């Protein structure tokens, strides 16, 4: 009697799979430690996620063993009466012997027409594949700004948010929750206060690799509008400089008027597919703050 061939199946990742998923991702991305993945999965486990959507994503399973994974990070950016479901297609890895089944993951992960999907970390060699799946680039590069050289908003005060802090005065409740939540992720959440405004901003520490050296910098994770960051760049730069950060990276499609810095398209391309329009300057609740750069 011929033995049955073990089946390949694609299913949602559950809480009991997290150790196996962390092991698999650590093998697939050897430049990242296993702790990097386990810490990020722990943050996904405790964050609020929209009902009816996967909390972690999907895995490929062969004979009871995880052989592929696609992490998904869902968020509702709408209201109780009018939801707007967004999904960050995050880290994707399939063991070499099962690469023929990789499309099972992408098909099931992108099948919902009401969802707006984004990919914010696409490797250059995958751009043609992503575009063939119906994605379009909404951000073509990064602008490496040098805010300490700006005089904009230098009279403003920077108020950092700490984990467990009360909601900041003058900020709407949804944005206050966002600031506190991202401070818990390990981001720098601040309110820029001037005589006329209270402006929320979120930054994530990153390292810019230059040869053998990795220089510390910040990436803008959240702002209401890029113009808010430009208007208070001087205050932000003078706050960050004594803390060791010279540059702030922002999503851009060219040089940014009002800021000193350098634009590049060698990194930073981001893709979108779905019903909602994209917005530069909002990477909140994506893999960047949840997992780190």
C-alpha atoms as a PDB file:
ATOM      1  CA  UNK A   1       0.000   0.000   0.000  1.00  0.00           C
ATOM      2  CA  UNK A   2       1.411   3.395  -1.020  1.00  0.00           C
ATOM      3  CA  UNK A   3       1.983   5.824   1.853  1.00  0.00           C
ATOM      4  CA  UNK A   4       0.072   9.078   1.641  1.00  0.00           C
ATOM      5  CA  UNK A   5       2.204  12.090   0.737  1.00  0.00           C
ATOM      6  CA  UNK A   6       2.275  14.722   3.514  1.00  0.00           C
ATOM      7  CA  UNK A   7       0.024  17.657   2.667  1.00  0.00           C
ATOM      8  CA  UNK A   8       0.995  21.304   2.328  1.00  0.00           C
ATOM      9  CA  UNK A   9      -1.569  23.626   3.820  1.00  0.00           C
ATOM     10  CA  UNK A  10      -1.833  27.355   4.418  1.00  0.00           C
ATOM     11  CA  UNK A  11      -3.479  28.517   7.642  1.00  0.00           C
ATOM     12  CA  UNK A  12      -3.600  31.413  10.067  1.00  0.00           C
ATOM     13  CA  UNK A  13      -0.801  31.746  12.601  1.00  0.00           C
ATOM     14  CA  UNK A  14      -2.005  31.147  16.149  1.00  0.00           C
ATOM     15  CA  UNK A  15      -0.525  31.902  19.544  1.00  0.00           C
ATOM     16  CA  UNK A  16       0.859  28.368  19.809  1.00  0.00           C
ATOM     17  CA  UNK A  17       2.837  28.848  16.574  1.00  0.00           C
ATOM     18  CA  UNK A  18       4.873  31.866  17.665  1.00  0.00           C
ATOM     19  CA  UNK A  19       7.999  29.979  18.737  1.00  0.00           C
ATOM     20  CA  UNK A  20       8.091  28.055  15.457  1.00  0.00           C
ATOM     21  CA  UNK A  21       7.486  31.258  13.480  1.00  0.00           C
ATOM     22  CA  UNK A  22      10.324  33.051  15.296  1.00  0.00           C
ATOM     23  CA  UNK A  23      12.649  30.099  14.591  1.00  0.00           C
ATOM     24  CA  UNK A  24      11.692  30.081  10.919  1.00  0.00           C
ATOM     25  CA  UNK A  25      12.172  33.829  10.467  1.00  0.00           C
ATOM     26  CA  UNK A  26      15.516  33.727  12.282  1.00  0.00           C
ATOM     27  CA  UNK A  27      16.688  31.093   9.778  1.00  0.00           C
ATOM     28  CA  UNK A  28      15.305  33.027   6.834  1.00  0.00           C
ATOM     29  CA  UNK A  29      16.758  36.384   7.886  1.00  0.00           C
ATOM     30  CA  UNK A  30      20.118  35.536   9.507  1.00  0.00           C
ATOM     31  CA  UNK A  31      20.998  39.226   9.884  1.00  0.00           C
ATOM     32  CA  UNK A  32      18.219  39.415  12.499  1.00  0.00           C
ATOM     33  CA  UNK A  33      18.370  37.698  15.864  1.00  0.00           C
ATOM     34  CA  UNK A  34      15.672  35.353  17.049  1.00  0.00           C
ATOM     35  CA  UNK A  35      14.919  37.830  19.835  1.00  0.00           C
ATOM     36  CA  UNK A  36      14.188  40.513  17.229  1.00  0.00           C
ATOM     37  CA  UNK A  37      11.385  38.310  15.887  1.00  0.00           C
ATOM     38  CA  UNK A  38      10.093  37.078  19.236  1.00  0.00           C
ATOM     39  CA  UNK A  39       9.913  40.643  20.604  1.00  0.00           C
ATOM     40  CA  UNK A  40       7.999  41.825  17.540  1.00  0.00           C
ATOM     41  CA  UNK A  41       5.597  38.891  17.690  1.00  0.00           C
ATOM     42  CA  UNK A  42       5.016  39.631  21.372  1.00  0.00           C
ATOM     43  CA  UNK A  43       4.036  43.207  20.451  1.00  0.00           C
ATOM     44  CA  UNK A  44       1.667  41.857  17.808  1.00  0.00           C
ATOM     45  CA  UNK A  45       0.161  39.510  20.388  1.00  0.00           C
ATOM     46  CA  UNK A  46      -0.769  42.321  22.773  1.00  0.00           C
ATOM     47  CA  UNK A  47      -1.881  45.057  20.366  1.00  0.00           C
ATOM     48  CA  UNK A  48      -5.484  45.689  19.372  1.00  0.00           C
ATOM     49  CA  UNK A  49      -6.370  44.146  16.011  1.00  0.00           C
ATOM     50  CA  UNK A  50      -9.574  44.391  13.942  1.00  0.00           C
ATOM     51  CA  UNK A  51     -12.087  41.599  14.545  1.00  0.00           C
ATOM     52  CA  UNK A  52     -12.316  39.031  11.779  1.00  0.00           C
ATOM     53  CA  UNK A  53      -8.781  39.490  10.460  1.00  0.00           C
ATOM     54  CA  UNK A  54      -5.598  37.515  11.222  1.00  0.00           C
ATOM     55  CA  UNK A  55      -3.614  38.769  14.201  1.00  0.00           C
ATOM     56  CA  UNK A  56      -0.253  37.540  12.922  1.00  0.00           C
ATOM     57  CA  UNK A  57      -0.633  36.381   9.327  1.00  0.00           C
ATOM     58  CA  UNK A  58      -0.343  32.994   7.654  1.00  0.00           C
ATOM     59  CA  UNK A  59       2.022  30.060   7.622  1.00  0.00           C
ATOM     60  CA  UNK A  60       2.704  27.153   5.296  1.00  0.00           C
ATOM     61  CA  UNK A  61       2.668  23.840   7.093  1.00  0.00           C
ATOM     62  CA  UNK A  62       4.125  20.555   5.847  1.00  0.00           C
ATOM     63  CA  UNK A  63       3.473  17.404   7.849  1.00  0.00           C
ATOM     64  CA  UNK A  64       2.811  19.529  10.948  1.00  0.00           C
ATOM     65  CA  UNK A  65       5.951  21.669  10.554  1.00  0.00           C
ATOM     66  CA  UNK A  66       6.054  25.378   9.655  1.00  0.00           C
ATOM     67  CA  UNK A  67       7.974  25.798   6.379  1.00  0.00           C
ATOM     68  CA  UNK A  68       6.786  29.250   5.302  1.00  0.00           C
ATOM     69  CA  UNK A  69       5.418  32.418   6.860  1.00  0.00           C
ATOM     70  CA  UNK A  70       3.970  35.775   5.839  1.00  0.00           C
ATOM     71  CA  UNK A  71       3.468  38.253   8.670  1.00  0.00           C
ATOM     72  CA  UNK A  72       0.483  40.601   8.358  1.00  0.00           C
ATOM     73  CA  UNK A  73      -0.221  43.625  10.547  1.00  0.00           C
ATOM     74  CA  UNK A  74      -3.852  44.761  10.370  1.00  0.00           C
ATOM     75  CA  UNK A  75      -5.190  48.061  11.599  1.00  0.00           C
ATOM     76  CA  UNK A  76      -8.539  49.854  11.411  1.00  0.00           C
ATOM     77  CA  UNK A  77      -7.914  53.509  10.514  1.00  0.00           C
ATOM     78  CA  UNK A  78     -11.574  54.404  10.250  1.00  0.00           C
ATOM     79  CA  UNK A  79     -14.367  54.939  12.749  1.00  0.00           C
ATOM     80  CA  UNK A  80     -16.836  52.645  14.486  1.00  0.00           C
ATOM     81  CA  UNK A  81     -19.444  53.424  11.830  1.00  0.00           C
ATOM     82  CA  UNK A  82     -17.070  53.459   8.862  1.00  0.00           C
ATOM     83  CA  UNK A  83     -14.055  51.149   9.221  1.00  0.00           C
ATOM     84  CA  UNK A  84     -10.965  51.476   7.026  1.00  0.00           C
ATOM     85  CA  UNK A  85      -8.970  48.269   7.188  1.00  0.00           C
ATOM     86  CA  UNK A  86      -5.281  48.500   6.326  1.00  0.00           C
ATOM     87  CA  UNK A  87      -2.825  45.621   6.189  1.00  0.00           C
ATOM     88  CA  UNK A  88       0.965  45.841   6.226  1.00  0.00           C
ATOM     89  CA  UNK A  89       2.402  42.877   4.306  1.00  0.00           C
ATOM     90  CA  UNK A  90       5.486  42.335   6.389  1.00  0.00           C
ATOM     91  CA  UNK A  91       8.203  39.682   6.528  1.00  0.00           C
ATOM     92  CA  UNK A  92       7.848  36.770   4.115  1.00  0.00           C
ATOM     93  CA  UNK A  93       9.975  33.633   4.063  1.00  0.00           C
ATOM     94  CA  UNK A  94       9.564  30.115   2.641  1.00  0.00           C
ATOM     95  CA  UNK A  95      12.129  27.347   3.034  1.00  0.00           C
ATOM     96  CA  UNK A  96      13.939  26.581  -0.265  1.00  0.00           C
ATOM     97  CA  UNK A  97      12.373  23.140  -0.683  1.00  0.00           C
ATOM     98  CA  UNK A  98       8.874  24.627  -0.615  1.00  0.00           C
ATOM     99  CA  UNK A  99       9.285  27.793  -2.711  1.00  0.00           C
ATOM    100  CA  UNK A 100       6.861  26.434  -5.329  1.00  0.00           C
ATOM    101  CA  UNK A 101       4.111  26.886  -2.749  1.00  0.00           C
ATOM    102  CA  UNK A 102       5.018  30.475  -1.834  1.00  0.00           C
ATOM    103  CA  UNK A 103       2.224  31.920  -3.969  1.00  0.00           C
ATOM    104  CA  UNK A 104      -0.299  30.214  -1.682  1.00  0.00           C
ATOM    105  CA  UNK A 105       0.705  32.689   1.008  1.00  0.00           C
ATOM    106  CA  UNK A 106       0.472  35.789  -1.172  1.00  0.00           C
ATOM    107  CA  UNK A 107      -2.848  34.795  -2.739  1.00  0.00           C
ATOM    108  CA  UNK A 108      -4.623  34.198   0.544  1.00  0.00           C
ATOM    109  CA  UNK A 109      -3.038  37.269   2.157  1.00  0.00           C
ATOM    110  CA  UNK A 110      -4.266  39.680  -0.547  1.00  0.00           C
ATOM    111  CA  UNK A 111      -7.710  38.322  -1.311  1.00  0.00           C
ATOM    112  CA  UNK A 112      -9.919  40.855   0.522  1.00  0.00           C
ATOM    113  CA  UNK A 113     -11.152  43.730  -1.691  1.00  0.00           C
ATOM    114  CA  UNK A 114     -12.103  46.012   1.221  1.00  0.00           C
ATOM    115  CA  UNK A 115      -8.548  45.986   2.608  1.00  0.00           C
ATOM    116  CA  UNK A 116      -5.831  48.471   1.648  1.00  0.00           C
ATOM    117  CA  UNK A 117      -2.523  46.601   1.510  1.00  0.00           C
ATOM    118  CA  UNK A 118       0.883  48.233   1.914  1.00  0.00           C
ATOM    119  CA  UNK A 119       4.411  46.913   1.555  1.00  0.00           C
ATOM    120  CA  UNK A 120       6.938  49.263   3.170  1.00  0.00           C
ATOM    121  CA  UNK A 121      10.079  47.110   3.027  1.00  0.00           C
ATOM    122  CA  UNK A 122      10.197  45.632  -0.457  1.00  0.00           C
ATOM    123  CA  UNK A 123      13.661  44.533  -1.577  1.00  0.00           C
ATOM    124  CA  UNK A 124      14.696  45.963  -4.942  1.00  0.00           C
ATOM    125  CA  UNK A 125      14.737  42.557  -6.651  1.00  0.00           C
ATOM    126  CA  UNK A 126      11.078  42.017  -5.683  1.00  0.00           C
ATOM    127  CA  UNK A 127       9.743  45.272  -7.172  1.00  0.00           C
ATOM    128  CA  UNK A 128       8.680  43.719 -10.522  1.00  0.00           C
ATOM    129  CA  UNK A 129       6.903  40.861  -8.701  1.00  0.00           C
ATOM    130  CA  UNK A 130       5.057  43.254  -6.391  1.00  0.00           C
ATOM    131  CA  UNK A 131       4.009  45.490  -9.290  1.00  0.00           C
ATOM    132  CA  UNK A 132       2.741  42.428 -11.188  1.00  0.00           C
ATOM    133  CA  UNK A 133       0.482  41.720  -8.195  1.00  0.00           C
ATOM    134  CA  UNK A 134      -1.261  45.070  -8.710  1.00  0.00           C
ATOM    135  CA  UNK A 135       0.697  47.236  -6.279  1.00  0.00           C
ATOM    136  CA  UNK A 136       1.851  50.739  -7.191  1.00  0.00           C
ATOM    137  CA  UNK A 137       4.679  52.734  -5.664  1.00  0.00           C
ATOM    138  CA  UNK A 138       3.350  55.638  -3.605  1.00  0.00           C
ATOM    139  CA  UNK A 139       6.730  56.528  -2.096  1.00  0.00           C
ATOM    140  CA  UNK A 140       9.831  56.350  -4.272  1.00  0.00           C
ATOM    141  CA  UNK A 141      12.552  57.140  -1.748  1.00  0.00           C
ATOM    142  CA  UNK A 142      13.752  58.784   1.439  1.00  0.00           C
ATOM    143  CA  UNK A 143      14.834  62.294   2.310  1.00  0.00           C
ATOM    144  CA  UNK A 144      17.624  62.399   4.885  1.00  0.00           C
ATOM    145  CA  UNK A 145      16.880  65.696   6.592  1.00  0.00           C
ATOM    146  CA  UNK A 146      19.269  67.558   8.890  1.00  0.00           C
ATOM    147  CA  UNK A 147      16.769  69.345  11.157  1.00  0.00           C
ATOM    148  CA  UNK A 148      19.335  70.936  13.484  1.00  0.00           C
ATOM    149  CA  UNK A 149      20.324  73.240  10.601  1.00  0.00           C
ATOM    150  CA  UNK A 150      16.771  74.591  10.340  1.00  0.00           C
ATOM    151  CA  UNK A 151      15.498  77.694  12.125  1.00  0.00           C
ATOM    152  CA  UNK A 152      11.864  76.589  11.798  1.00  0.00           C
ATOM    153  CA  UNK A 153       9.976  76.419  15.068  1.00  0.00           C
ATOM    154  CA  UNK A 154      13.032  76.904  17.255  1.00  0.00           C
ATOM    155  CA  UNK A 155      10.941  78.593  19.939  1.00  0.00           C
ATOM    156  CA  UNK A 156       8.730  75.530  20.347  1.00  0.00           C
ATOM    157  CA  UNK A 157       9.042  73.075  23.223  1.00  0.00           C
ATOM    158  CA  UNK A 158       9.417  69.311  22.773  1.00  0.00           C
ATOM    159  CA  UNK A 159       7.412  67.237  25.240  1.00  0.00           C
ATOM    160  CA  UNK A 160       8.375  63.525  25.104  1.00  0.00           C
ATOM    161  CA  UNK A 161       5.836  60.845  25.945  1.00  0.00           C
ATOM    162  CA  UNK A 162       6.893  58.009  28.221  1.00  0.00           C
ATOM    163  CA  UNK A 163       5.334  54.598  28.710  1.00  0.00           C
ATOM    164  CA  UNK A 164       2.468  54.909  31.175  1.00  0.00           C
ATOM    165  CA  UNK A 165       2.232  58.693  30.825  1.00  0.00           C
ATOM    166  CA  UNK A 166      -1.212  60.342  30.984  1.00  0.00           C
ATOM    167  CA  UNK A 167      -2.747  61.510  27.690  1.00  0.00           C
ATOM    168  CA  UNK A 168      -1.103  64.742  26.501  1.00  0.00           C
ATOM    169  CA  UNK A 169      -3.088  67.953  26.796  1.00  0.00           C
ATOM    170  CA  UNK A 170      -4.456  69.410  23.576  1.00  0.00           C
ATOM    171  CA  UNK A 171      -4.164  66.224  21.487  1.00  0.00           C
ATOM    172  CA  UNK A 172      -7.298  64.348  20.287  1.00  0.00           C
ATOM    173  CA  UNK A 173      -7.865  61.052  22.076  1.00  0.00           C
ATOM    174  CA  UNK A 174      -7.117  58.845  19.056  1.00  0.00           C
ATOM    175  CA  UNK A 175      -3.766  60.545  18.479  1.00  0.00           C
ATOM    176  CA  UNK A 176      -2.991  60.503  22.200  1.00  0.00           C
ATOM    177  CA  UNK A 177      -3.559  56.743  22.180  1.00  0.00           C
ATOM    178  CA  UNK A 178      -1.279  56.464  19.153  1.00  0.00           C
ATOM    179  CA  UNK A 179       1.506  58.407  20.890  1.00  0.00           C
ATOM    180  CA  UNK A 180       1.290  56.325  24.063  1.00  0.00           C
ATOM    181  CA  UNK A 181       1.038  53.052  22.134  1.00  0.00           C
ATOM    182  CA  UNK A 182       4.134  53.824  20.085  1.00  0.00           C
ATOM    183  CA  UNK A 183       6.060  54.890  23.166  1.00  0.00           C
ATOM    184  CA  UNK A 184       5.287  51.409  24.485  1.00  0.00           C
ATOM    185  CA  UNK A 185       6.703  49.957  21.254  1.00  0.00           C
ATOM    186  CA  UNK A 186       9.957  51.781  21.996  1.00  0.00           C
ATOM    187  CA  UNK A 187       9.480  54.747  19.654  1.00  0.00           C
ATOM    188  CA  UNK A 188      10.128  58.387  20.518  1.00  0.00           C
ATOM    189  CA  UNK A 189       6.659  59.940  20.754  1.00  0.00           C
ATOM    190  CA  UNK A 190       6.605  63.696  21.269  1.00  0.00           C
ATOM    191  CA  UNK A 191       4.265  66.658  21.309  1.00  0.00           C
ATOM    192  CA  UNK A 192       5.724  69.844  19.852  1.00  0.00           C
ATOM    193  CA  UNK A 193       4.160  72.768  21.691  1.00  0.00           C
ATOM    194  CA  UNK A 194       4.178  76.317  20.414  1.00  0.00           C
ATOM    195  CA  UNK A 195       2.023  79.309  21.309  1.00  0.00           C
ATOM    196  CA  UNK A 196      -0.428  78.372  18.577  1.00  0.00           C
ATOM    197  CA  UNK A 197      -0.391  74.577  18.267  1.00  0.00           C
ATOM    198  CA  UNK A 198       0.252  71.154  19.767  1.00  0.00           C
ATOM    199  CA  UNK A 199       1.731  68.850  17.125  1.00  0.00           C
ATOM    200  CA  UNK A 200       2.101  65.052  17.587  1.00  0.00           C
ATOM    201  CA  UNK A 201       5.152  63.340  16.055  1.00  0.00           C
ATOM    202  CA  UNK A 202       6.532  59.806  16.343  1.00  0.00           C
ATOM    203  CA  UNK A 203      10.087  58.731  15.478  1.00  0.00           C
ATOM    204  CA  UNK A 204      11.806  55.347  15.328  1.00  0.00           C
ATOM    205  CA  UNK A 205      15.516  54.884  15.905  1.00  0.00           C
ATOM    206  CA  UNK A 206      17.333  53.471  12.872  1.00  0.00           C
ATOM    207  CA  UNK A 207      20.917  52.970  11.823  1.00  0.00           C
ATOM    208  CA  UNK A 208      22.273  54.163   8.476  1.00  0.00           C
ATOM    209  CA  UNK A 209      24.997  51.805   7.345  1.00  0.00           C
ATOM    210  CA  UNK A 210      27.998  53.467   5.723  1.00  0.00           C
ATOM    211  CA  UNK A 211      30.603  50.822   4.973  1.00  0.00           C
ATOM    212  CA  UNK A 212      31.709  49.297   8.266  1.00  0.00           C
ATOM    213  CA  UNK A 213      29.873  51.886  10.341  1.00  0.00           C
ATOM    214  CA  UNK A 214      26.189  52.215  11.259  1.00  0.00           C
ATOM    215  CA  UNK A 215      25.281  55.800  12.095  1.00  0.00           C
ATOM    216  CA  UNK A 216      22.308  56.447  14.427  1.00  0.00           C
ATOM    217  CA  UNK A 217      19.374  58.353  12.946  1.00  0.00           C
ATOM    218  CA  UNK A 218      15.631  58.706  13.367  1.00  0.00           C
ATOM    219  CA  UNK A 219      12.843  57.879  10.937  1.00  0.00           C
ATOM    220  CA  UNK A 220       9.579  59.790  10.989  1.00  0.00           C
ATOM    221  CA  UNK A 221       6.846  57.256  11.763  1.00  0.00           C
ATOM    222  CA  UNK A 222       3.845  59.532  12.236  1.00  0.00           C
ATOM    223  CA  UNK A 223       2.799  63.099  11.573  1.00  0.00           C
ATOM    224  CA  UNK A 224      -0.494  64.640  10.538  1.00  0.00           C
ATOM    225  CA  UNK A 225       1.204  66.146   7.531  1.00  0.00           C
ATOM    226  CA  UNK A 226       4.828  66.425   6.422  1.00  0.00           C
ATOM    227  CA  UNK A 227       4.382  70.195   6.649  1.00  0.00           C
ATOM    228  CA  UNK A 228       4.096  69.832  10.455  1.00  0.00           C
ATOM    229  CA  UNK A 229       7.563  68.336  10.640  1.00  0.00           C
ATOM    230  CA  UNK A 230       8.965  71.004   8.310  1.00  0.00           C
ATOM    231  CA  UNK A 231       7.392  73.792  10.392  1.00  0.00           C
ATOM    232  CA  UNK A 232       9.087  72.574  13.587  1.00  0.00           C
ATOM    233  CA  UNK A 233      12.214  70.931  12.185  1.00  0.00           C
ATOM    234  CA  UNK A 234      14.536  73.288  14.041  1.00  0.00           C
ATOM    235  CA  UNK A 235      12.987  72.486  17.418  1.00  0.00           C
ATOM    236  CA  UNK A 236      13.083  68.762  16.653  1.00  0.00           C
ATOM    237  CA  UNK A 237      16.690  68.914  15.484  1.00  0.00           C
ATOM    238  CA  UNK A 238      17.880  70.763  18.576  1.00  0.00           C
ATOM    239  CA  UNK A 239      16.131  68.206  20.757  1.00  0.00           C
ATOM    240  CA  UNK A 240      17.640  65.223  18.922  1.00  0.00           C
ATOM    241  CA  UNK A 241      21.190  66.506  18.390  1.00  0.00           C
ATOM    242  CA  UNK A 242      22.423  66.238  22.017  1.00  0.00           C
ATOM    243  CA  UNK A 243      20.892  62.751  22.090  1.00  0.00           C
ATOM    244  CA  UNK A 244      23.142  61.664  19.239  1.00  0.00           C
ATOM    245  CA  UNK A 245      20.803  61.957  16.245  1.00  0.00           C
ATOM    246  CA  UNK A 246      21.802  64.242  13.385  1.00  0.00           C
ATOM    247  CA  UNK A 247      19.467  63.024  10.632  1.00  0.00           C
ATOM    248  CA  UNK A 248      15.736  62.320  10.405  1.00  0.00           C
ATOM    249  CA  UNK A 249      14.593  60.176   7.483  1.00  0.00           C
ATOM    250  CA  UNK A 250      11.205  60.972   5.956  1.00  0.00           C
ATOM    251  CA  UNK A 251       9.256  59.325   3.150  1.00  0.00           C
ATOM    252  CA  UNK A 252       9.468  61.442   0.008  1.00  0.00           C
ATOM    253  CA  UNK A 253       9.175  61.463  -3.770  1.00  0.00           C
ATOM    254  CA  UNK A 254      11.891  64.067  -4.237  1.00  0.00           C
ATOM    255  CA  UNK A 255      13.808  66.771  -2.362  1.00  0.00           C
ATOM    256  CA  UNK A 256      11.670  68.370   0.359  1.00  0.00           C
ATOM    257  CA  UNK A 257      11.307  72.149   0.202  1.00  0.00           C
ATOM    258  CA  UNK A 258      12.091  73.858   3.493  1.00  0.00           C
ATOM    259  CA  UNK A 259      14.504  71.184   4.714  1.00  0.00           C
ATOM    260  CA  UNK A 260      18.262  70.727   4.368  1.00  0.00           C
ATOM    261  CA  UNK A 261      19.277  67.212   3.424  1.00  0.00           C
ATOM    262  CA  UNK A 262      19.736  64.603   0.717  1.00  0.00           C
ATOM    263  CA  UNK A 263      17.134  62.657  -1.276  1.00  0.00           C
ATOM    264  CA  UNK A 264      17.769  59.104  -2.458  1.00  0.00           C
ATOM    265  CA  UNK A 265      15.809  56.424  -4.283  1.00  0.00           C
ATOM    266  CA  UNK A 266      18.284  53.690  -3.366  1.00  0.00           C
ATOM    267  CA  UNK A 267      16.045  52.787  -0.428  1.00  0.00           C
ATOM    268  CA  UNK A 268      12.637  53.585   0.976  1.00  0.00           C
ATOM    269  CA  UNK A 269      10.296  52.569  -1.864  1.00  0.00           C
ATOM    270  CA  UNK A 270       6.830  51.691  -0.570  1.00  0.00           C
ATOM    271  CA  UNK A 271       3.837  50.124  -2.310  1.00  0.00           C
ATOM    272  CA  UNK A 272       0.054  50.204  -1.927  1.00  0.00           C
ATOM    273  CA  UNK A 273      -2.946  48.326  -3.325  1.00  0.00           C
ATOM    274  CA  UNK A 274      -6.583  48.817  -2.369  1.00  0.00           C
ATOM    275  CA  UNK A 275      -9.408  51.324  -1.987  1.00  0.00           C
ATOM    276  CA  UNK A 276      -7.802  53.939   0.301  1.00  0.00           C
ATOM    277  CA  UNK A 277      -5.381  56.654  -0.878  1.00  0.00           C
ATOM    278  CA  UNK A 278      -1.825  56.646   0.502  1.00  0.00           C
ATOM    279  CA  UNK A 279      -0.346  59.326   2.719  1.00  0.00           C
ATOM    280  CA  UNK A 280       3.302  60.129   3.212  1.00  0.00           C
ATOM    281  CA  UNK A 281       4.391  60.452   6.822  1.00  0.00           C
ATOM    282  CA  UNK A 282       2.220  57.753   8.389  1.00  0.00           C
ATOM    283  CA  UNK A 283       3.932  54.436   9.143  1.00  0.00           C
ATOM    284  CA  UNK A 284       2.174  54.012  12.475  1.00  0.00           C
ATOM    285  CA  UNK A 285       1.295  50.472  13.564  1.00  0.00           C
ATOM    286  CA  UNK A 286       3.410  48.934  10.812  1.00  0.00           C
ATOM    287  CA  UNK A 287       6.414  46.638  11.024  1.00  0.00           C
ATOM    288  CA  UNK A 288       8.738  49.632  11.519  1.00  0.00           C
ATOM    289  CA  UNK A 289       7.537  50.559  15.034  1.00  0.00           C
ATOM    290  CA  UNK A 290       6.446  47.027  15.971  1.00  0.00           C
ATOM    291  CA  UNK A 291       9.635  45.227  14.971  1.00  0.00           C
ATOM    292  CA  UNK A 292      12.159  48.033  14.669  1.00  0.00           C
ATOM    293  CA  UNK A 293      14.491  48.951  11.838  1.00  0.00           C
END
